[in-house]
Protein backbone atom coordinates (compact mmCIF):
# COMPACT_ATOMS: atom_id res chain seq x y z
CA UNK A 1 -0.03 -0.24 -0.07
CA UNK A 2 1.36 3.56 -0.80
CA UNK A 3 -0.08 6.92 -1.23
CA UNK A 4 3.12 8.48 -2.61
CA UNK A 5 2.52 11.42 -4.94
CA UNK A 6 -1.49 11.03 -3.84
CA UNK A 7 -2.88 14.87 -3.05
CA UNK A 8 -5.04 15.07 0.43
CA UNK A 9 -7.04 18.14 1.08
CA UNK A 10 -7.49 17.85 4.46
CA UNK A 11 -9.79 20.41 6.58
CA UNK A 12 -8.60 21.50 10.15
CA UNK A 13 -5.04 20.10 9.77
CA UNK A 14 -3.06 22.14 12.01
CA UNK A 15 -3.64 20.29 14.80
CA UNK A 16 -5.25 17.11 16.35
CA UNK A 17 -6.78 14.41 14.83
CA UNK A 18 -6.12 15.99 11.38
CA UNK A 19 -2.93 16.91 11.82
CA UNK A 20 -2.00 13.21 12.92
CA UNK A 21 -3.75 11.81 9.73
CA UNK A 22 -1.78 14.67 7.30
CA UNK A 23 1.40 13.38 9.18
CA UNK A 24 0.46 9.49 8.27
CA UNK A 25 -0.11 10.17 4.44
CA UNK A 26 3.11 12.47 4.62
CA UNK A 27 5.46 9.58 5.83
CA UNK A 28 4.16 7.61 2.45
CA UNK A 29 5.16 10.43 0.83
CA UNK A 30 1.89 11.83 -0.05
CA UNK A 31 1.25 15.99 -0.74
CA UNK A 32 -0.92 17.53 2.09
CA UNK A 33 -3.54 20.66 1.70
CA UNK A 34 -3.44 22.17 5.08
CA UNK A 35 -6.80 23.99 4.79
CA UNK A 36 -7.53 25.78 8.65
CA UNK A 37 -8.13 28.83 9.92
CA UNK A 38 -5.11 29.08 12.35
CA UNK A 39 -1.93 31.42 11.52
CA UNK A 40 -1.57 32.42 14.88
CA UNK A 41 -0.80 30.19 17.65
CA UNK A 42 -3.57 29.64 20.33
CA UNK A 43 -2.51 29.11 23.68
CA UNK A 44 -5.16 26.34 24.64
CA UNK A 45 -5.00 24.86 21.23
CA UNK A 46 -1.17 24.84 19.92
CA UNK A 47 -0.60 24.61 16.01
CA UNK A 48 -0.42 26.85 12.96
CA UNK A 49 -1.20 25.79 9.34
CA UNK A 50 2.61 26.97 9.15
CA UNK A 51 3.92 24.90 12.18
CA UNK A 52 1.95 21.62 10.71
CA UNK A 53 3.11 22.08 7.03
CA UNK A 54 6.89 22.14 8.66
CA UNK A 55 5.97 18.71 10.52
CA UNK A 56 4.33 17.40 7.31
CA UNK A 57 7.61 18.36 4.94
CA UNK A 58 9.89 16.96 7.78
CA UNK A 59 7.98 13.60 7.73
CA UNK A 60 8.69 12.93 4.25
CA UNK A 61 5.78 15.10 2.74
CA UNK A 62 4.88 17.97 0.18
CA UNK A 63 2.80 20.71 2.28
CA UNK A 64 0.66 23.37 1.19
CA UNK A 65 -0.56 25.96 4.11
CA UNK A 66 -3.87 28.00 2.78
CA UNK A 67 -5.59 29.79 5.67
CA UNK A 68 -9.43 28.57 4.96
CA UNK A 69 -12.05 29.53 7.25
CA UNK A 70 -14.41 26.90 5.51
CA UNK A 71 -17.85 29.21 6.64
CA UNK A 72 -17.03 30.96 3.36
CA UNK A 73 -17.37 29.98 -0.25
CA UNK A 74 -14.61 31.90 -1.83
CA UNK A 75 -12.02 31.12 0.77
CA UNK A 76 -12.70 27.66 0.03
CA UNK A 77 -12.85 27.68 -3.70
CA UNK A 78 -9.31 29.62 -3.24
CA UNK A 79 -7.90 26.65 -1.25
CA UNK A 80 -9.05 24.15 -3.80
CA UNK A 81 -7.74 26.11 -6.80
CA UNK A 82 -4.33 26.63 -5.36
CA UNK A 83 -3.75 22.86 -4.29
CA UNK A 84 -4.76 21.87 -7.51
CA UNK A 85 -2.41 24.50 -8.85
CA UNK A 86 0.45 23.58 -6.87
CA UNK A 87 -0.30 19.38 -6.99
CA UNK A 88 -2.02 19.01 -10.09
CA UNK A 89 -5.54 17.69 -8.56
CA UNK A 90 -6.65 16.23 -5.59
CA UNK A 91 -7.17 12.73 -4.56
CA UNK A 92 -8.40 12.81 -1.16
CA UNK A 93 -10.68 14.93 1.20
CA UNK A 94 -10.70 14.59 4.68
CA UNK A 95 -13.41 16.14 6.48
CA UNK A 96 -12.10 16.99 9.59
CA UNK A 97 -12.64 20.38 10.88
CA UNK A 98 -15.67 20.76 13.22
CA UNK A 99 -16.79 23.11 16.06
CA UNK A 100 -18.03 21.84 19.10
CA UNK A 101 -20.64 23.01 21.89
CA UNK A 102 -22.00 20.52 24.29
CA UNK A 103 -24.87 22.43 25.74
CA UNK A 104 -28.72 21.70 26.10
CA UNK A 105 -31.23 23.74 24.14
CA UNK A 106 -31.84 26.38 26.76
CA UNK A 107 -28.07 27.26 27.03
CA UNK A 108 -27.42 27.14 23.06
CA UNK A 109 -27.15 30.19 21.92
CA UNK A 110 -27.68 31.57 18.38
CA UNK A 111 -24.20 32.34 17.75
CA UNK A 112 -22.83 28.94 18.56
CA UNK A 113 -25.82 27.24 16.91
CA UNK A 114 -24.80 28.82 13.76
CA UNK A 115 -21.17 28.38 14.01
CA UNK A 116 -21.70 24.53 14.50
CA UNK A 117 -24.06 24.28 11.57
CA UNK A 118 -21.54 26.64 9.22
CA UNK A 119 -18.38 24.85 10.05
CA UNK A 120 -20.02 20.97 10.42
CA UNK A 121 -22.72 20.81 8.03
CA UNK A 122 -22.30 23.88 5.34
CA UNK A 123 -18.38 23.99 5.42
CA UNK A 124 -18.30 20.54 4.91
CA UNK A 125 -21.01 20.02 1.90
CA UNK A 126 -19.41 22.93 0.17
CA UNK A 127 -16.00 21.59 0.61
CA UNK A 128 -16.58 18.45 -0.97
CA UNK A 129 -18.84 20.19 -3.55
CA UNK A 130 -16.02 21.95 -4.44
CA UNK A 131 -13.12 19.02 -4.88
CA UNK A 132 -15.44 16.91 -6.53
CA UNK A 133 -14.58 17.66 -10.23
CA UNK A 134 -11.01 16.71 -9.28
CA UNK A 135 -12.02 13.73 -7.41
CA UNK A 136 -13.76 12.60 -10.57
CA UNK A 137 -9.96 12.92 -12.79
CA UNK A 138 -8.11 10.66 -9.54
CA UNK A 139 -7.86 7.07 -10.29
CA UNK A 140 -8.63 6.06 -6.43
CA UNK A 141 -10.48 9.12 -5.30
CA UNK A 142 -11.99 9.20 -1.73
CA UNK A 143 -13.83 11.38 0.89
CA UNK A 144 -13.50 10.58 4.47
CA UNK A 145 -15.32 12.76 6.62
CA UNK A 146 -14.59 12.92 10.86
CA UNK A 147 -18.34 12.14 12.33
CA UNK A 148 -20.12 9.30 14.11
CA UNK A 149 -22.69 6.56 13.15
CA UNK A 150 -26.06 7.24 13.48
CA UNK A 151 -27.94 6.28 16.78
CA UNK A 152 -31.22 7.13 17.60
CA UNK A 153 -30.90 6.37 21.16
CA UNK A 154 -32.33 9.54 22.91
CA UNK A 155 -29.14 9.78 25.49
CA UNK A 156 -27.22 11.21 22.32
CA UNK A 157 -30.06 14.17 21.82
CA UNK A 158 -30.94 15.05 25.07
CA UNK A 159 -27.74 16.60 26.63
CA UNK A 160 -26.51 18.34 23.30
CA UNK A 161 -28.95 18.28 20.54
CA UNK A 162 -27.81 20.95 18.27
CA UNK A 163 -24.18 19.45 18.38
CA UNK A 164 -25.82 16.09 17.38
CA UNK A 165 -27.45 17.63 14.81
CA UNK A 166 -24.88 18.64 12.84
CA UNK A 167 -22.36 15.25 13.47
CA UNK A 168 -25.44 13.18 12.33
CA UNK A 169 -25.79 15.47 9.19
CA UNK A 170 -22.37 15.17 8.28
CA UNK A 171 -22.93 11.32 8.68
CA UNK A 172 -25.81 11.63 6.41
CA UNK A 173 -23.75 13.75 3.71
CA UNK A 174 -20.97 11.15 3.67
CA UNK A 175 -23.50 8.26 2.88
CA UNK A 176 -25.49 10.41 0.66
CA UNK A 177 -22.14 11.14 -1.16
CA UNK A 178 -21.66 7.45 -0.95
CA UNK A 179 -24.79 6.77 -3.40
CA UNK A 180 -24.56 10.02 -5.63
CA UNK A 181 -21.04 9.41 -6.58
CA UNK A 182 -20.63 5.76 -6.97
CA UNK A 183 -20.85 6.44 -10.79
CA UNK A 184 -17.84 8.05 -10.55
CA UNK A 185 -16.06 5.69 -8.39
CA UNK A 186 -15.41 8.13 -5.75
CA UNK A 187 -15.52 6.37 -2.48
CA UNK A 188 -17.36 8.28 0.79
CA UNK A 189 -17.26 7.12 4.14
CA UNK A 190 -17.45 8.11 7.73
CA UNK A 191 -14.79 7.37 10.75
CA UNK A 192 -15.37 7.78 14.44
CA UNK A 193 -13.84 6.71 17.67
CA UNK A 194 -14.83 4.06 19.97
CA UNK A 195 -12.92 5.86 22.30
CA UNK A 196 -12.33 9.39 23.17
CA UNK A 197 -9.24 10.94 21.87
CA UNK A 198 -6.79 13.07 23.42
CA UNK A 199 -6.88 16.14 21.52
CA UNK A 200 -7.51 20.00 22.59
CA UNK A 201 -11.37 19.36 22.67
CA UNK A 202 -11.08 16.53 25.18
CA UNK A 203 -8.44 18.24 27.79
CA UNK A 204 -10.35 21.95 27.38
CA UNK A 205 -13.96 21.11 26.99
CA UNK A 206 -14.92 17.68 27.73
CA UNK A 207 -12.96 16.08 30.67
CA UNK A 208 -9.30 17.85 31.08
CA UNK A 209 -6.10 15.67 32.36
CA UNK A 210 -8.58 12.89 33.98
CA UNK A 211 -10.01 11.83 30.55
CA UNK A 212 -7.18 12.51 28.08
CA UNK A 213 -5.67 9.78 30.52
CA UNK A 214 -8.47 7.21 29.43
CA UNK A 215 -8.10 8.17 26.20
CA UNK A 216 -6.45 6.89 22.75
CA UNK A 217 -3.79 9.30 20.92
CA UNK A 218 -4.83 10.58 17.33
CA UNK A 219 -2.93 8.44 15.80
CA UNK A 220 -5.30 5.59 15.97
CA UNK A 221 -7.55 7.45 13.36
CA UNK A 222 -4.73 8.36 11.27
CA UNK A 223 -3.89 4.41 10.74
CA UNK A 224 -7.31 3.67 10.23
CA UNK A 225 -7.94 6.40 7.50
CA UNK A 226 -4.94 5.07 5.49
CA UNK A 227 -6.01 1.70 5.71
CA UNK A 228 -9.25 3.40 4.15
CA UNK A 229 -7.52 5.12 1.78
CA UNK A 230 -5.92 2.08 0.21
CA UNK A 231 -8.73 0.08 -0.68
CA UNK A 232 -10.32 0.59 -4.33
CA UNK A 233 -13.01 3.69 -4.31
CA UNK A 234 -15.25 1.55 -5.83
CA UNK A 235 -15.40 -1.14 -3.46
CA UNK A 236 -14.56 0.37 -0.06
CA UNK A 237 -17.61 3.17 0.19
CA UNK A 238 -20.95 3.97 2.12
CA UNK A 239 -19.51 2.74 5.48
CA UNK A 240 -19.85 4.92 8.78
CA UNK A 241 -17.05 3.09 10.05
CA UNK A 242 -15.15 2.81 13.55
CA UNK A 243 -12.03 3.03 14.03
CA UNK A 244 -11.87 -0.44 16.02
CA UNK A 245 -13.42 -2.19 13.18
CA UNK A 246 -11.42 -1.11 10.81
CA UNK A 247 -8.30 -2.60 12.25
CA UNK A 248 -10.59 -5.69 13.06
CA UNK A 249 -10.91 -6.41 9.17
CA UNK A 250 -7.45 -6.24 8.63
CA UNK A 251 -6.78 -8.78 11.40
CA UNK A 252 -5.69 -6.70 13.85
CA UNK A 253 -6.89 -6.68 17.74
CA UNK A 254 -3.98 -5.56 20.19
CA UNK A 255 -4.25 -1.54 19.91
CA UNK A 256 -2.57 -1.09 23.15
CA UNK A 257 -0.39 0.80 21.39
CA UNK A 258 -2.88 3.57 21.08
CA UNK A 259 -3.83 4.30 24.81
CA UNK A 260 -2.31 7.47 26.17
CA UNK A 261 -1.84 5.54 29.33
CA UNK A 262 -0.96 1.86 28.57
CA UNK A 263 -3.88 -0.42 30.40
CA UNK A 264 -6.11 2.43 30.99
CA UNK A 265 -9.99 2.08 31.49
CA UNK A 266 -10.65 3.62 28.22
CA UNK A 267 -13.73 6.10 28.27
CA UNK A 268 -16.10 5.48 25.13
CA UNK A 269 -16.81 8.46 22.86
CA UNK A 270 -20.19 10.03 22.29
CA UNK A 271 -22.60 8.33 19.99
CA UNK A 272 -21.06 4.94 20.83
CA UNK A 273 -23.84 2.98 22.43
């Protein structure tokens, strides 16, 4: 398996899961488009498009850092055009950028509601739309959206309805594109972790250091994504993958290397029944 010289357009790739996937693909010799907002480092988040690009180059890939706020169509178009001009096309689209607010209805203000829908739903839709003409020209095109399997268990709606709506919409789009783009052999899948992942969101918003120690590292999703991208796009499509299941299909059962604390009692992620 190799993704050498393939071009991946990754939203939110300046840190966390997006950057972990970028570095995994870069180690294989891929071209990475770092499409994110951060050009100055945030004290609680860390990382910029430029620092991520530097790490990608050191890992063995080629990087293009593009400041892009996916809430705005013109910025998406400019980023995609720059990617195509620099690398000659786009083979992989990774919809990783996402906003989160785990608030019940009465505590969810309009600004936060709109932000989650503008990034998670609208942004994901228009990033993918803009990349489709380039994906049609690829030999093995893949769309991967970081979103969960859709469970109708009421507990996933009760505490954070607005956020749940946006993440489920991302999964619906992933499944919709699988059907719509099957004729072009463009794969579309969703990917979600079985356990919480040690990211800035977990440390700052969900459970701090305590939850981080019961989490896995972002590289587990990077390795799962790598497996998916090396599958034939005409065959591996229309799945809401859980990371553990991707490895299980490959006969890989021991995932101990991904635990932040070896042997820890891992905490299930949201939307995992």
